[in-house]
Amino acid sequence: MKKVLLIMMLFAPLSIFAQKFAHVNTETIIKSLPEVVKVQQELEKLGKQYEDELKASQAELERLVGEYEKNKSTMNATKQQETEASLQEKYQRISEQAQQNQQAFNKAQTDKLQPIYQRVRNAIEVVGKNGGYVYVMEAGSVLYINDSLSKDITSEVKAQLMK
């Protein structure tokens, strides 16, 4: 009985070395998905829309500032203060609009990309489980990967996503 226990203890460390490791490049996978191109086009269109709205508001403010500068000498002090306050308020609204546009863009980006990221994650889990891997690491976030000890499963994950 002691011999069996001793043999098991000697071979137990060897089972540690039998663990399988894999790595994957999710950036390559995500860039290869057709729906990502569609999402990027939608986001570019949305970003352009926000940019155009902001430029139009800024152009209007610049026009009003130009008019104010041109007519400033003919205005009384009260009218100047009112106009300056109005211009400052418009500037503040443009700043708020820029912030709101950025937040809306970030939310749209997250909403559109999150399902894609989840699909990729699910495919990685399926390939990892099917391959019996203990760990699947992101290739881009690890300083060094020994290719003889860790298998690149990027192509397998792509294939899983195409199913």
Protein backbone atom coordinates (compact mmCIF):
# COMPACT_ATOMS: atom_id res chain seq x y z
CA MET A 1 0.00 0.00 0.00
CA LYS A 2 2.86 2.35 0.84
CA LYS A 3 4.46 1.57 -2.51
CA VAL A 4 1.28 2.46 -4.39
CA LEU A 5 1.03 5.71 -2.46
CA LEU A 6 4.69 6.46 -3.09
CA ILE A 7 4.32 5.77 -6.83
CA MET A 8 1.24 8.02 -6.99
CA MET A 9 3.13 10.81 -5.26
CA LEU A 10 6.03 10.47 -7.68
CA PHE A 11 3.81 10.62 -10.75
CA ALA A 12 1.50 13.36 -9.44
CA PRO A 13 3.91 16.15 -10.40
CA LEU A 14 4.03 14.73 -13.93
CA SER A 15 0.29 15.25 -14.26
CA ILE A 16 0.87 18.95 -13.68
CA PHE A 17 3.04 19.04 -16.80
CA ALA A 18 0.34 17.27 -18.79
CA GLN A 19 -1.95 20.29 -18.53
CA LYS A 20 -2.76 21.90 -21.84
CA PHE A 21 -2.46 25.62 -22.46
CA ALA A 22 -3.68 27.68 -25.39
CA HIS A 23 -3.55 31.23 -26.59
CA VAL A 24 -5.77 33.19 -28.91
CA ASN A 25 -5.62 36.52 -30.73
CA THR A 26 -9.10 37.99 -30.29
CA GLU A 27 -8.22 41.15 -32.21
CA THR A 28 -7.54 39.07 -35.33
CA ILE A 29 -10.77 37.17 -34.82
CA ILE A 30 -12.89 40.27 -34.28
CA LYS A 31 -11.42 42.05 -37.31
CA SER A 32 -12.29 39.04 -39.48
CA LEU A 33 -15.98 39.04 -38.58
CA PRO A 34 -18.27 40.55 -41.24
CA GLU A 35 -20.64 42.02 -38.64
CA VAL A 36 -17.78 44.06 -37.17
CA VAL A 37 -17.32 45.85 -40.50
CA LYS A 38 -21.03 46.67 -40.53
CA VAL A 39 -20.90 47.95 -36.94
CA GLN A 40 -17.83 50.06 -37.72
CA GLN A 41 -19.64 51.63 -40.68
CA GLU A 42 -22.67 52.39 -38.51
CA LEU A 43 -20.46 53.93 -35.83
CA GLU A 44 -18.58 56.01 -38.39
CA LYS A 45 -21.90 57.29 -39.75
CA LEU A 46 -23.10 58.13 -36.24
CA GLY A 47 -19.80 59.84 -35.41
CA LYS A 48 -20.01 61.89 -38.62
CA GLN A 49 -23.57 62.92 -37.74
CA TYR A 50 -22.49 64.09 -34.28
CA GLU A 51 -19.48 65.87 -35.74
CA ASP A 52 -21.62 67.68 -38.35
CA GLU A 53 -24.12 68.78 -35.68
CA LEU A 54 -21.31 70.13 -33.54
CA LYS A 55 -19.64 71.93 -36.45
CA ALA A 56 -22.97 73.56 -37.38
CA SER A 57 -23.43 74.78 -33.81
CA GLN A 58 -19.87 76.10 -33.68
CA ALA A 59 -20.29 77.87 -37.03
CA GLU A 60 -23.47 79.52 -35.76
CA LEU A 61 -21.66 80.66 -32.61
CA GLU A 62 -18.76 82.04 -34.67
CA ARG A 63 -21.24 83.91 -36.86
CA LEU A 64 -22.92 85.43 -33.79
CA VAL A 65 -19.56 86.38 -32.27
CA GLY A 66 -18.59 88.04 -35.56
CA GLU A 67 -21.83 90.04 -35.59
CA TYR A 68 -21.29 91.01 -31.97
CA GLU A 69 -17.72 92.17 -32.64
CA LYS A 70 -18.88 94.17 -35.66
CA ASN A 71 -21.77 95.85 -33.80
CA LYS A 72 -20.15 96.11 -30.38
CA SER A 73 -19.20 99.74 -30.76
CA THR A 74 -22.81 100.76 -31.49
CA MET A 75 -24.27 98.89 -28.48
CA ASN A 76 -24.82 100.34 -25.06
CA ALA A 77 -23.22 98.62 -22.05
CA THR A 78 -26.40 96.77 -21.08
CA LYS A 79 -26.90 95.37 -24.57
CA GLN A 80 -23.21 94.32 -24.69
CA GLN A 81 -23.56 92.44 -21.38
CA GLU A 82 -26.75 90.74 -22.55
CA THR A 83 -25.14 89.70 -25.85
CA GLU A 84 -22.00 88.44 -24.11
CA ALA A 85 -24.11 86.45 -21.65
CA SER A 86 -26.10 84.99 -24.54
CA LEU A 87 -22.90 84.05 -26.40
CA GLN A 88 -21.45 82.48 -23.26
CA GLU A 89 -24.66 80.48 -22.80
CA LYS A 90 -24.50 79.25 -26.42
CA TYR A 91 -20.85 78.28 -25.92
CA GLN A 92 -21.81 76.35 -22.77
CA ARG A 93 -24.60 74.53 -24.65
CA ILE A 94 -22.15 73.56 -27.41
CA SER A 95 -19.74 72.18 -24.80
CA GLU A 96 -22.57 70.19 -23.21
CA GLN A 97 -23.67 68.98 -26.64
CA ALA A 98 -20.14 67.75 -27.36
CA GLN A 99 -20.08 65.86 -24.05
CA GLN A 100 -23.52 64.35 -24.63
CA ASN A 101 -22.56 63.32 -28.16
CA GLN A 102 -19.41 61.61 -26.87
CA GLN A 103 -21.39 59.76 -24.20
CA ALA A 104 -24.05 58.73 -26.71
CA PHE A 105 -21.38 57.54 -29.14
CA ASN A 106 -19.62 55.51 -26.43
CA LYS A 107 -22.93 53.93 -25.41
CA ALA A 108 -23.79 53.07 -29.01
CA GLN A 109 -20.33 51.58 -29.48
CA THR A 110 -20.68 49.44 -26.36
CA ASP A 111 -24.22 48.37 -27.24
CA LYS A 112 -23.24 47.31 -30.76
CA LEU A 113 -19.92 45.62 -29.95
CA GLN A 114 -20.78 43.86 -26.67
CA PRO A 115 -22.82 41.07 -28.34
CA ILE A 116 -19.94 40.45 -30.76
CA TYR A 117 -17.40 40.27 -27.93
CA GLN A 118 -19.69 37.88 -26.05
CA ARG A 119 -20.01 35.64 -29.12
CA VAL A 120 -16.22 35.50 -29.43
CA ARG A 121 -15.84 34.75 -25.73
CA ASN A 122 -18.40 31.94 -25.98
CA ALA A 123 -16.55 30.46 -28.98
CA ILE A 124 -13.26 30.59 -27.05
CA GLU A 125 -14.90 28.77 -24.14
CA VAL A 126 -16.29 26.07 -26.46
CA VAL A 127 -12.91 25.52 -28.15
CA GLY A 128 -11.17 25.58 -24.77
CA LYS A 129 -13.49 22.98 -23.29
CA ASN A 130 -13.44 20.79 -26.40
CA GLY A 131 -9.65 20.92 -26.51
CA GLY A 132 -9.27 20.23 -22.79
CA TYR A 133 -7.24 23.38 -22.18
CA VAL A 134 -6.63 24.49 -18.60
CA TYR A 135 -6.01 28.10 -19.64
CA VAL A 136 -6.66 30.11 -22.77
CA MET A 137 -4.68 33.34 -22.74
CA GLU A 138 -4.95 36.44 -24.90
CA ALA A 139 -1.87 36.42 -27.10
CA GLY A 140 -1.53 40.20 -27.12
CA SER A 141 -1.57 40.63 -23.35
CA VAL A 142 1.10 38.07 -22.46
CA LEU A 143 4.75 39.08 -22.70
CA TYR A 144 5.95 35.69 -23.89
CA ILE A 145 4.27 32.54 -25.12
CA ASN A 146 6.24 29.35 -25.69
CA ASP A 147 4.59 27.94 -28.81
CA SER A 148 5.78 24.44 -27.98
CA LEU A 149 3.82 24.49 -24.68
CA SER A 150 0.83 26.60 -25.72
CA LYS A 151 -1.29 26.05 -28.80
CA ASP A 152 -2.61 28.96 -30.89
CA ILE A 153 -6.35 28.29 -31.22
CA THR A 154 -7.23 31.47 -33.12
CA SER A 155 -8.19 29.57 -36.28
CA GLU A 156 -10.25 27.08 -34.29
CA VAL A 157 -12.19 29.90 -32.64
CA LYS A 158 -12.82 31.49 -36.06
CA ALA A 159 -14.15 28.15 -37.29
CA GLN A 160 -16.37 27.85 -34.21
CA LEU A 161 -17.82 31.30 -34.92
CA MET A 162 -18.65 30.29 -38.50
CA LYS A 163 -20.77 27.34 -37.32
